[in-house]
């Protein structure tokens, strides 16, 4: 998101991960060696906010609309293959999700003890699946909490929705605060849909807020809900197997990047538009203290 010109390697890495999981999942179901619960967990890992974001950018590329990932998913003929692969991965993922939600048990192994939706019907299974999709899941989760007021599990899910609620409040406040500038943009770009004008305005003027709405907050929700789904299951127990040790080593590189970023994090945070009033107030208080 912040270095789109260097995104090619990341896009191909994500495509490799998605297709690896899709192909292995389809083969496992074909050989009836996968439970419905683990098939669902596979598709939830595939349909991450990052995958959804790539699909959106690929669609924009086919429509000829400039976007942040033009270096790999533009309308150029040389980017036709990655665009097709991204769109195909989205369609296959959605088909896989619908199949595992509505198909009968003959395609899967015996029901896993982790599966809480046994014999509850295809509609319940499909609705439950969409809870794991950011934004769509937030709406469903809030309705579930309202319907089951006081339920402890519902309150935990509602807590996972809290970042989205804060993001909506921030967006409403920004739109109110910048309504005059937005009105001017509406007059200049009279032939465009207002939603796209607002989108571009937020992207250019509030890049951090835009980044949170497109990627960061949905990723937080996705991780939290997947961890909640795996909590208190045998899959959540660490054992020093090849796969789990390999997964730990995969984490080392991004962890190192985070550690290197920490010394600069506060300085970066205080330059954001949303925190500038705090920084200005602090500097003003410091000047007054020095003058006294």
Protein backbone atom coordinates (compact mmCIF):
# COMPACT_ATOMS: atom_id res chain seq x y z
CA UNK A 1 0.00 0.00 0.00
CA UNK A 2 2.85 2.42 0.78
CA UNK A 3 5.30 1.12 -1.82
CA UNK A 4 3.09 0.19 -4.81
CA UNK A 5 5.96 0.36 -7.30
CA UNK A 6 7.56 -2.62 -5.49
CA UNK A 7 4.36 -4.65 -5.23
CA UNK A 8 5.00 -7.15 -8.03
CA UNK A 9 6.84 -9.66 -5.85
CA UNK A 10 4.18 -9.45 -3.13
CA UNK A 11 1.34 -10.03 -5.61
CA UNK A 12 3.00 -13.13 -7.08
CA UNK A 13 3.76 -14.44 -3.57
CA UNK A 14 0.12 -14.02 -2.56
CA UNK A 15 -1.08 -15.73 -5.75
CA UNK A 16 1.28 -18.65 -5.08
CA UNK A 17 -0.09 -19.00 -1.53
CA UNK A 18 -3.74 -18.77 -2.61
CA UNK A 19 -3.45 -21.28 -5.45
CA UNK A 20 -1.43 -23.68 -3.27
CA UNK A 21 -4.20 -23.72 -0.66
CA UNK A 22 -6.97 -23.90 -3.27
CA UNK A 23 -5.45 -26.79 -5.20
CA UNK A 24 -4.55 -28.77 -2.07
CA UNK A 25 -8.04 -28.15 -0.64
CA UNK A 26 -9.79 -29.28 -3.83
CA UNK A 27 -7.62 -32.41 -4.01
CA UNK A 28 -8.29 -33.20 -0.33
CA UNK A 29 -12.06 -32.88 -0.82
CA UNK A 30 -11.87 -34.96 -3.99
CA UNK A 31 -10.20 -37.75 -2.01
CA UNK A 32 -12.61 -37.23 0.92
CA UNK A 33 -9.72 -36.61 3.31
CA UNK A 34 -10.83 -33.23 4.68
CA UNK A 35 -13.51 -32.39 7.24
CA UNK A 36 -15.98 -29.59 6.59
CA UNK A 37 -14.52 -27.57 9.46
CA UNK A 38 -10.98 -27.71 8.06
CA UNK A 39 -12.24 -27.00 4.53
CA UNK A 40 -13.89 -23.89 5.95
CA UNK A 41 -10.70 -22.90 7.75
CA UNK A 42 -8.79 -23.30 4.49
CA UNK A 43 -11.10 -21.00 2.56
CA UNK A 44 -11.09 -18.39 5.34
CA UNK A 45 -7.30 -18.30 5.15
CA UNK A 46 -7.50 -17.96 1.36
CA UNK A 47 -10.10 -15.16 1.40
CA UNK A 48 -8.02 -12.71 3.39
CA UNK A 49 -8.46 -8.93 3.04
CA UNK A 50 -5.23 -8.92 1.03
CA UNK A 51 -6.72 -11.35 -1.49
CA UNK A 52 -9.93 -9.30 -1.68
CA UNK A 53 -7.93 -6.10 -2.22
CA UNK A 54 -6.04 -7.66 -5.12
CA UNK A 55 -9.30 -8.75 -6.73
CA UNK A 56 -10.67 -5.21 -6.52
CA UNK A 57 -7.52 -3.76 -8.09
CA UNK A 58 -7.58 -6.40 -10.85
CA UNK A 59 -11.20 -5.47 -11.68
CA UNK A 60 -10.22 -1.78 -11.77
CA UNK A 61 -7.36 -2.74 -14.11
CA UNK A 62 -9.76 -4.47 -16.51
CA UNK A 63 -11.96 -1.34 -16.40
CA UNK A 64 -8.96 0.81 -17.37
CA UNK A 65 -9.11 2.82 -14.14
CA UNK A 66 -5.72 3.91 -12.70
CA UNK A 67 -4.98 2.58 -9.22
CA UNK A 68 -2.14 2.03 -6.73
CA UNK A 69 -1.04 -1.34 -8.17
CA UNK A 70 -0.64 -0.24 -11.78
CA UNK A 71 2.90 -1.66 -11.65
CA UNK A 72 1.43 -5.20 -11.77
CA UNK A 73 -2.37 -5.05 -12.25
CA UNK A 74 -2.84 -2.25 -14.79
CA UNK A 75 -4.79 -2.39 -18.06
CA UNK A 76 -1.52 -3.00 -19.93
CA UNK A 77 -1.34 -6.20 -22.06
CA UNK A 78 1.82 -7.25 -20.19
CA UNK A 79 -0.24 -7.41 -16.95
CA UNK A 80 -3.05 -9.50 -18.46
CA UNK A 81 -1.84 -12.78 -16.90
CA UNK A 82 -1.64 -11.56 -13.27
CA UNK A 83 -5.04 -9.85 -13.63
CA UNK A 84 -6.64 -13.05 -14.95
CA UNK A 85 -5.01 -15.13 -12.20
CA UNK A 86 -6.23 -12.75 -9.48
CA UNK A 87 -9.82 -12.67 -10.81
CA UNK A 88 -9.82 -16.46 -11.25
CA UNK A 89 -8.57 -16.95 -7.68
CA UNK A 90 -11.44 -14.79 -6.39
CA UNK A 91 -14.06 -16.73 -8.38
CA UNK A 92 -12.62 -20.11 -7.33
CA UNK A 93 -12.47 -19.01 -3.69
CA UNK A 94 -16.10 -17.88 -3.71
CA UNK A 95 -17.19 -21.11 -5.42
CA UNK A 96 -15.21 -23.13 -2.88
CA UNK A 97 -16.87 -21.24 -0.01
CA UNK A 98 -20.38 -21.83 -1.37
CA UNK A 99 -19.64 -25.51 -2.08
CA UNK A 100 -18.40 -26.36 1.40
CA UNK A 101 -21.35 -24.49 2.93
CA UNK A 102 -24.21 -26.13 0.99
CA UNK A 103 -22.86 -29.56 -0.03
CA UNK A 104 -23.82 -32.72 1.88
CA UNK A 105 -21.52 -34.62 4.24
CA UNK A 106 -20.63 -37.31 1.68
CA UNK A 107 -17.84 -35.06 0.32
CA UNK A 108 -16.09 -34.73 3.69
CA UNK A 109 -14.62 -36.93 6.39
CA UNK A 110 -16.46 -37.46 9.67
CA UNK A 111 -17.52 -34.24 11.35
CA UNK A 112 -14.71 -32.65 13.31
CA UNK A 113 -15.33 -32.07 17.05
CA UNK A 114 -14.48 -28.42 16.27
CA UNK A 115 -17.48 -28.11 13.93
CA UNK A 116 -20.30 -26.24 15.70
CA UNK A 117 -22.60 -26.23 12.67
CA UNK A 118 -23.28 -29.94 12.32
CA UNK A 119 -26.91 -30.58 11.25
CA UNK A 120 -27.84 -26.89 11.32
CA UNK A 121 -28.56 -26.61 7.61
CA UNK A 122 -26.92 -25.04 4.58
CA UNK A 123 -28.32 -21.55 5.24
CA UNK A 124 -26.81 -21.42 8.72
CA UNK A 125 -23.46 -22.70 7.42
CA UNK A 126 -23.35 -20.17 4.57
CA UNK A 127 -24.30 -17.27 6.85
CA UNK A 128 -21.66 -18.36 9.35
CA UNK A 129 -19.08 -18.43 6.56
CA UNK A 130 -19.74 -14.81 5.60
CA UNK A 131 -19.10 -13.68 9.20
CA UNK A 132 -15.42 -14.17 8.45
CA UNK A 133 -15.47 -11.63 5.59
CA UNK A 134 -14.62 -8.11 6.87
CA UNK A 135 -17.42 -5.51 6.67
CA UNK A 136 -19.97 -8.18 5.67
CA UNK A 137 -19.13 -10.09 8.82
CA UNK A 138 -19.32 -6.98 10.98
CA UNK A 139 -22.95 -6.35 9.96
CA UNK A 140 -23.88 -10.00 10.57
CA UNK A 141 -22.03 -10.07 13.89
CA UNK A 142 -23.78 -6.93 15.16
CA UNK A 143 -27.17 -8.43 14.25
CA UNK A 144 -26.17 -11.65 16.04
CA UNK A 145 -25.17 -9.73 19.17
CA UNK A 146 -28.48 -7.82 19.16
CA UNK A 147 -30.40 -11.08 18.76
CA UNK A 148 -28.46 -12.75 21.59
CA UNK A 149 -27.99 -9.88 24.01
CA UNK A 150 -25.77 -10.82 26.92
CA UNK A 151 -24.18 -13.83 25.20
CA UNK A 152 -20.46 -13.93 26.11
CA UNK A 153 -19.34 -15.19 22.69
CA UNK A 154 -21.41 -12.46 21.02
CA UNK A 155 -19.70 -9.80 23.13
CA UNK A 156 -16.29 -11.12 22.09
CA UNK A 157 -17.27 -10.94 18.41
CA UNK A 158 -18.66 -7.45 18.97
CA UNK A 159 -15.28 -6.49 20.47
CA UNK A 160 -13.63 -7.67 17.26
CA UNK A 161 -15.93 -5.24 15.42
CA UNK A 162 -14.83 -2.28 17.58
CA UNK A 163 -12.05 -1.12 15.18
CA UNK A 164 -14.63 -0.92 12.37
CA UNK A 165 -16.97 1.13 14.54
CA UNK A 166 -14.14 3.56 15.39
CA UNK A 167 -13.20 3.73 11.69
CA UNK A 168 -16.79 4.61 10.68
CA UNK A 169 -16.90 7.34 13.36
CA UNK A 170 -13.59 8.74 12.06
CA UNK A 171 -14.82 8.72 8.45
CA UNK A 172 -18.06 10.48 9.37
CA UNK A 173 -16.09 13.11 11.31
CA UNK A 174 -13.69 13.65 8.38
CA UNK A 175 -16.56 14.05 5.89
CA UNK A 176 -18.27 16.59 8.17
CA UNK A 177 -15.02 18.47 8.77
CA UNK A 178 -14.09 18.65 5.07
CA UNK A 179 -17.60 19.05 3.64
CA UNK A 180 -16.76 22.37 1.94
CA UNK A 181 -13.70 20.91 0.19
CA UNK A 182 -15.74 17.87 -0.82
CA UNK A 183 -18.47 20.08 -2.24
CA UNK A 184 -15.84 21.82 -4.37
CA UNK A 185 -14.58 18.45 -5.65
CA UNK A 186 -18.17 17.44 -6.47
CA UNK A 187 -18.58 20.60 -8.59
CA UNK A 188 -15.29 20.02 -10.42
CA UNK A 189 -15.89 16.29 -11.03
CA UNK A 190 -19.60 16.54 -11.79
CA UNK A 191 -19.60 13.53 -14.14
CA UNK A 192 -18.16 11.10 -11.59
CA UNK A 193 -20.02 9.14 -8.94
CA UNK A 194 -19.78 10.89 -5.60
CA UNK A 195 -18.55 7.73 -3.86
CA UNK A 196 -15.44 7.71 -6.10
CA UNK A 197 -14.84 11.40 -5.48
CA UNK A 198 -14.95 10.79 -1.72
CA UNK A 199 -12.72 7.73 -2.12
CA UNK A 200 -10.01 9.64 -4.02
CA UNK A 201 -10.29 12.61 -1.65
CA UNK A 202 -9.73 10.42 1.42
CA UNK A 203 -6.90 8.55 -0.29
CA UNK A 204 -5.02 11.76 -1.11
CA UNK A 205 -5.77 13.80 2.02
CA UNK A 206 -5.99 11.09 4.68
CA UNK A 207 -3.77 8.24 3.42
CA UNK A 208 -3.45 6.59 6.83
CA UNK A 209 -7.21 6.53 7.37
CA UNK A 210 -7.63 5.19 3.85
CA UNK A 211 -5.01 2.50 4.52
CA UNK A 212 -6.77 1.48 7.75
CA UNK A 213 -10.13 1.16 6.00
CA UNK A 214 -8.85 -0.78 3.00
CA UNK A 215 -6.34 -3.10 4.63
CA UNK A 216 -5.18 -2.66 8.23
CA UNK A 217 -8.48 -2.83 10.15
CA UNK A 218 -9.92 -5.62 7.94
CA UNK A 219 -6.72 -7.63 8.54
CA UNK A 220 -7.08 -7.15 12.31
CA UNK A 221 -10.68 -8.38 12.12
CA UNK A 222 -9.71 -11.33 9.91
CA UNK A 223 -6.94 -12.46 12.27
CA UNK A 224 -9.10 -12.05 15.39
CA UNK A 225 -12.07 -13.97 14.02
CA UNK A 226 -9.89 -16.80 12.69
CA UNK A 227 -8.15 -17.08 16.06
CA UNK A 228 -11.53 -17.14 17.82
CA UNK A 229 -12.64 -19.92 15.51
CA UNK A 230 -9.55 -21.98 16.36
CA UNK A 231 -9.62 -21.27 20.10
CA UNK A 232 -10.04 -24.35 22.32
CA UNK A 233 -9.61 -26.74 19.38
CA UNK A 234 -6.89 -29.37 18.87
CA UNK A 235 -5.57 -27.29 15.96
CA UNK A 236 -4.64 -24.51 18.39
CA UNK A 237 -2.10 -26.65 20.27
CA UNK A 238 1.52 -26.09 19.23
CA UNK A 239 3.67 -29.13 18.54
CA UNK A 240 7.23 -29.01 17.19
CA UNK A 241 6.31 -30.53 13.85
CA UNK A 242 7.91 -29.58 10.54
CA UNK A 243 4.94 -27.46 9.43
CA UNK A 244 4.60 -25.47 12.64
CA UNK A 245 8.34 -24.85 13.03
CA UNK A 246 8.49 -23.73 9.38
CA UNK A 247 5.59 -21.32 10.05
CA UNK A 248 7.56 -19.79 12.94
CA UNK A 249 10.56 -19.17 10.70
CA UNK A 250 8.30 -17.52 8.10
CA UNK A 251 7.30 -14.99 10.76
CA UNK A 252 10.92 -13.93 11.44
CA UNK A 253 11.30 -11.60 8.43
CA UNK A 254 8.18 -9.44 9.05
CA UNK A 255 8.97 -9.49 12.80
CA UNK A 256 12.44 -8.12 12.08
CA UNK A 257 10.89 -5.35 9.95
CA UNK A 258 8.56 -4.40 12.80
CA UNK A 259 11.47 -4.27 15.27
CA UNK A 260 13.43 -2.00 12.93
CA UNK A 261 10.38 0.25 12.52
CA UNK A 262 9.75 0.77 16.27
CA UNK A 263 12.35 3.58 16.83
CA UNK A 264 10.67 5.65 14.09
CA UNK A 265 7.07 4.77 14.90
CA UNK A 266 6.35 7.66 17.32
CA UNK A 267 7.80 10.30 14.99
CA UNK A 268 5.72 8.91 12.12
CA UNK A 269 2.58 8.72 14.28
CA UNK A 270 2.83 12.39 15.30
CA UNK A 271 2.93 13.52 11.63
CA UNK A 272 -0.48 12.00 10.83
CA UNK A 273 -3.32 14.40 10.11
CA UNK A 274 -5.41 12.95 12.94
CA UNK A 275 -2.66 13.51 15.52
CA UNK A 276 -1.36 16.93 14.45
CA UNK A 277 -3.62 18.83 16.89
CA UNK A 278 -2.09 16.79 19.73
CA UNK A 279 1.41 17.54 18.47
CA UNK A 280 0.65 21.28 18.10
CA UNK A 281 -0.86 21.43 21.58
CA UNK A 282 2.20 19.71 23.01
CA UNK A 283 4.58 22.13 21.28
CA UNK A 284 2.51 25.11 22.44
CA UNK A 285 2.54 23.86 26.04
CA UNK A 286 6.32 23.33 25.82
CA UNK A 287 6.91 26.89 24.53
CA UNK A 288 4.78 28.35 27.30
CA UNK A 289 6.66 26.34 29.92
CA UNK A 290 10.02 27.54 28.55
CA UNK A 291 8.87 31.17 28.51
CA UNK A 292 7.74 30.93 32.14
